[in-house]
Amino acid sequence: MSDAITRLIYQHHECDDLLARLEAAVQQRDLCTGQRYFHEAEQAMLAHFELEETILFPAFESATGLLHGPTEVMRDEHYAMRDLLENCRSLLLAEDYAALQAELDTLFIFIQQHNAKEEGVLYPMCRAHIGDLGALLAHTHASCTT
């Protein structure tokens, strides 16, 4: 189980790295590189959300009976981050670098707060309540690697 959770935490760090690379490209006004890193970051984040929403959260809810607890909050935050990603995509395509930088700052802060809740609250609860999550996660390939 700890390996599965460690893998999810590692994905958080990989996504952070991709967003940092995107931010650097935006600061340099490098549209081509920015678009590439945006695509990679978006795909990595969406894959991570999908893994949590289709495997981790249902396993936790089944094990605990908590349907309106921490997983509901995490899902709501995933929806908010999807909206922020869509805003970033629009701003990148419009080449509105100042507005994009502000939106990326908002997204990055939101992600850091979200990840702290997952890593500090939800993941330890998963370790305590879910039996063999590692086997479930082993069959997936969601990753933030570039």
Protein backbone atom coordinates (compact mmCIF):
# COMPACT_ATOMS: atom_id res chain seq x y z
CA MET A 1 0.00 0.00 0.00
CA SER A 2 2.71 2.49 0.88
CA ASP A 3 4.28 1.96 -2.54
CA ALA A 4 0.98 2.89 -4.22
CA ILE A 5 0.64 6.02 -2.11
CA THR A 6 4.30 6.86 -2.65
CA ARG A 7 3.67 6.60 -6.39
CA LEU A 8 0.75 9.05 -6.15
CA ILE A 9 2.90 11.50 -4.17
CA TYR A 10 5.65 11.14 -6.77
CA GLN A 11 3.11 12.03 -9.46
CA HIS A 12 2.33 15.22 -7.52
CA HIS A 13 5.99 16.18 -7.70
CA GLU A 14 6.25 15.35 -11.39
CA CYS A 15 3.21 17.53 -12.13
CA ASP A 16 4.73 20.35 -10.08
CA ASP A 17 7.90 20.10 -12.16
CA LEU A 18 5.96 20.29 -15.43
CA LEU A 19 4.08 23.35 -14.20
CA ALA A 20 7.36 25.00 -13.19
CA ARG A 21 8.72 24.37 -16.69
CA LEU A 22 5.54 25.82 -18.17
CA GLU A 23 5.85 28.89 -15.98
CA ALA A 24 9.47 29.38 -17.06
CA ALA A 25 8.45 29.18 -20.73
CA VAL A 26 5.69 31.73 -20.13
CA GLN A 27 8.13 34.10 -18.42
CA GLN A 28 10.38 33.80 -21.48
CA ARG A 29 7.37 34.41 -23.79
CA ASP A 30 8.25 31.10 -25.51
CA LEU A 31 4.88 30.09 -26.95
CA CYS A 32 5.99 26.83 -28.57
CA THR A 33 7.68 25.49 -25.44
CA GLY A 34 4.83 26.80 -23.29
CA GLN A 35 2.27 24.94 -25.37
CA ARG A 36 4.30 21.73 -25.13
CA TYR A 37 4.67 21.94 -21.36
CA PHE A 38 1.05 22.95 -20.95
CA HIS A 39 -0.06 19.88 -22.90
CA GLU A 40 2.23 17.61 -20.85
CA ALA A 41 1.15 19.13 -17.53
CA GLU A 42 -2.52 19.02 -18.43
CA GLN A 43 -2.37 15.39 -19.57
CA ALA A 44 -0.42 14.38 -16.47
CA MET A 45 -2.82 16.12 -14.12
CA LEU A 46 -5.92 14.75 -15.84
CA ALA A 47 -4.47 11.22 -15.76
CA HIS A 48 -3.72 11.60 -12.06
CA PHE A 49 -7.24 12.89 -11.35
CA GLU A 50 -8.69 9.97 -13.30
CA LEU A 51 -6.64 7.46 -11.30
CA GLU A 52 -7.82 8.93 -8.03
CA GLU A 53 -11.44 9.39 -9.09
CA THR A 54 -11.89 5.94 -10.63
CA ILE A 55 -9.74 3.78 -8.34
CA LEU A 56 -8.53 5.43 -5.12
CA PHE A 57 -11.65 7.36 -4.14
CA PRO A 58 -14.13 4.53 -4.80
CA ALA A 59 -11.89 2.08 -2.90
CA PHE A 60 -11.73 4.48 0.04
CA GLU A 61 -15.48 5.12 -0.03
CA SER A 62 -16.19 1.38 -0.19
CA ALA A 63 -13.84 0.64 2.70
CA THR A 64 -15.09 3.44 4.95
CA GLY A 65 -18.67 4.13 3.86
CA LEU A 66 -17.76 7.83 3.68
CA LEU A 67 -19.36 9.11 0.49
CA HIS A 68 -19.47 12.78 1.44
CA GLY A 69 -16.17 13.11 3.21
CA PRO A 70 -12.66 13.91 2.04
CA THR A 71 -13.10 12.33 -1.39
CA GLU A 72 -16.00 14.65 -2.17
CA VAL A 73 -13.80 17.64 -1.32
CA MET A 74 -10.97 16.29 -3.47
CA ARG A 75 -13.32 15.71 -6.43
CA ASP A 76 -14.63 19.27 -6.12
CA GLU A 77 -11.07 20.55 -6.13
CA HIS A 78 -10.25 18.44 -9.19
CA TYR A 79 -13.16 20.12 -11.01
CA ALA A 80 -11.86 23.54 -9.97
CA MET A 81 -8.36 22.67 -11.23
CA ARG A 82 -9.83 21.47 -14.54
CA ASP A 83 -11.47 24.89 -14.88
CA LEU A 84 -8.18 26.62 -14.10
CA LEU A 85 -6.42 24.48 -16.71
CA GLU A 86 -9.03 25.43 -19.28
CA ASN A 87 -8.52 29.11 -18.43
CA CYS A 88 -4.77 28.65 -18.82
CA ARG A 89 -5.25 27.00 -22.20
CA SER A 90 -7.34 29.94 -23.44
CA LEU A 91 -4.86 32.50 -22.17
CA LEU A 92 -1.93 30.62 -23.69
CA LEU A 93 -3.66 30.47 -27.07
CA ALA A 94 -4.42 34.19 -26.82
CA GLU A 95 -0.77 34.80 -25.88
CA ASP A 96 -1.92 36.85 -22.90
CA TYR A 97 1.22 36.18 -20.89
CA ALA A 98 0.47 38.47 -17.94
CA ALA A 99 -2.98 36.99 -17.37
CA LEU A 100 -1.61 33.48 -17.94
CA GLN A 101 1.12 34.04 -15.36
CA ALA A 102 -1.49 35.15 -12.82
CA GLU A 103 -3.68 32.12 -13.60
CA LEU A 104 -0.71 29.77 -13.33
CA ASP A 105 0.14 31.29 -9.95
CA THR A 106 -3.44 30.64 -8.80
CA LEU A 107 -3.33 27.09 -10.15
CA PHE A 108 0.02 26.35 -8.53
CA ILE A 109 -1.11 27.62 -5.10
CA PHE A 110 -4.37 25.67 -5.40
CA ILE A 111 -2.47 22.51 -6.32
CA GLN A 112 -0.08 22.89 -3.39
CA GLN A 113 -2.98 23.25 -0.96
CA HIS A 114 -4.81 20.32 -2.57
CA ASN A 115 -1.75 18.06 -2.49
CA ALA A 116 -1.10 18.93 1.17
CA LYS A 117 -4.63 17.75 2.02
CA GLU A 118 -4.26 14.56 0.02
CA GLU A 119 -0.81 13.75 1.36
CA GLY A 120 -1.55 14.81 4.95
CA VAL A 121 -5.13 13.62 5.37
CA LEU A 122 -6.60 11.44 2.62
CA TYR A 123 -3.60 9.27 1.79
CA PRO A 124 -2.95 8.33 5.44
CA MET A 125 -6.65 7.48 5.75
CA CYS A 126 -6.33 5.29 2.65
CA ARG A 127 -3.34 3.52 4.18
CA ALA A 128 -5.40 2.83 7.29
CA HIS A 129 -8.58 1.62 5.57
CA ILE A 130 -7.81 0.10 2.17
CA GLY A 131 -6.37 -3.38 1.98
CA ASP A 132 -4.54 -3.94 -1.30
CA LEU A 133 -4.67 -0.67 -3.17
CA GLY A 134 -1.26 -1.44 -4.63
CA ALA A 135 -2.74 -4.25 -6.71
CA LEU A 136 -5.47 -1.97 -8.01
CA LEU A 137 -3.05 0.80 -8.92
CA ALA A 138 -0.61 -1.65 -10.51
CA HIS A 139 -3.00 -2.11 -13.40
CA THR A 140 -3.00 1.56 -14.30
CA HIS A 141 -0.46 3.69 -16.06
CA ALA A 142 -1.39 7.19 -14.91
CA SER A 143 1.85 9.08 -14.58
CA CYS A 144 3.17 12.57 -14.90
CA THR A 145 6.42 11.55 -16.53
CA THR A 146 7.52 13.47 -19.58
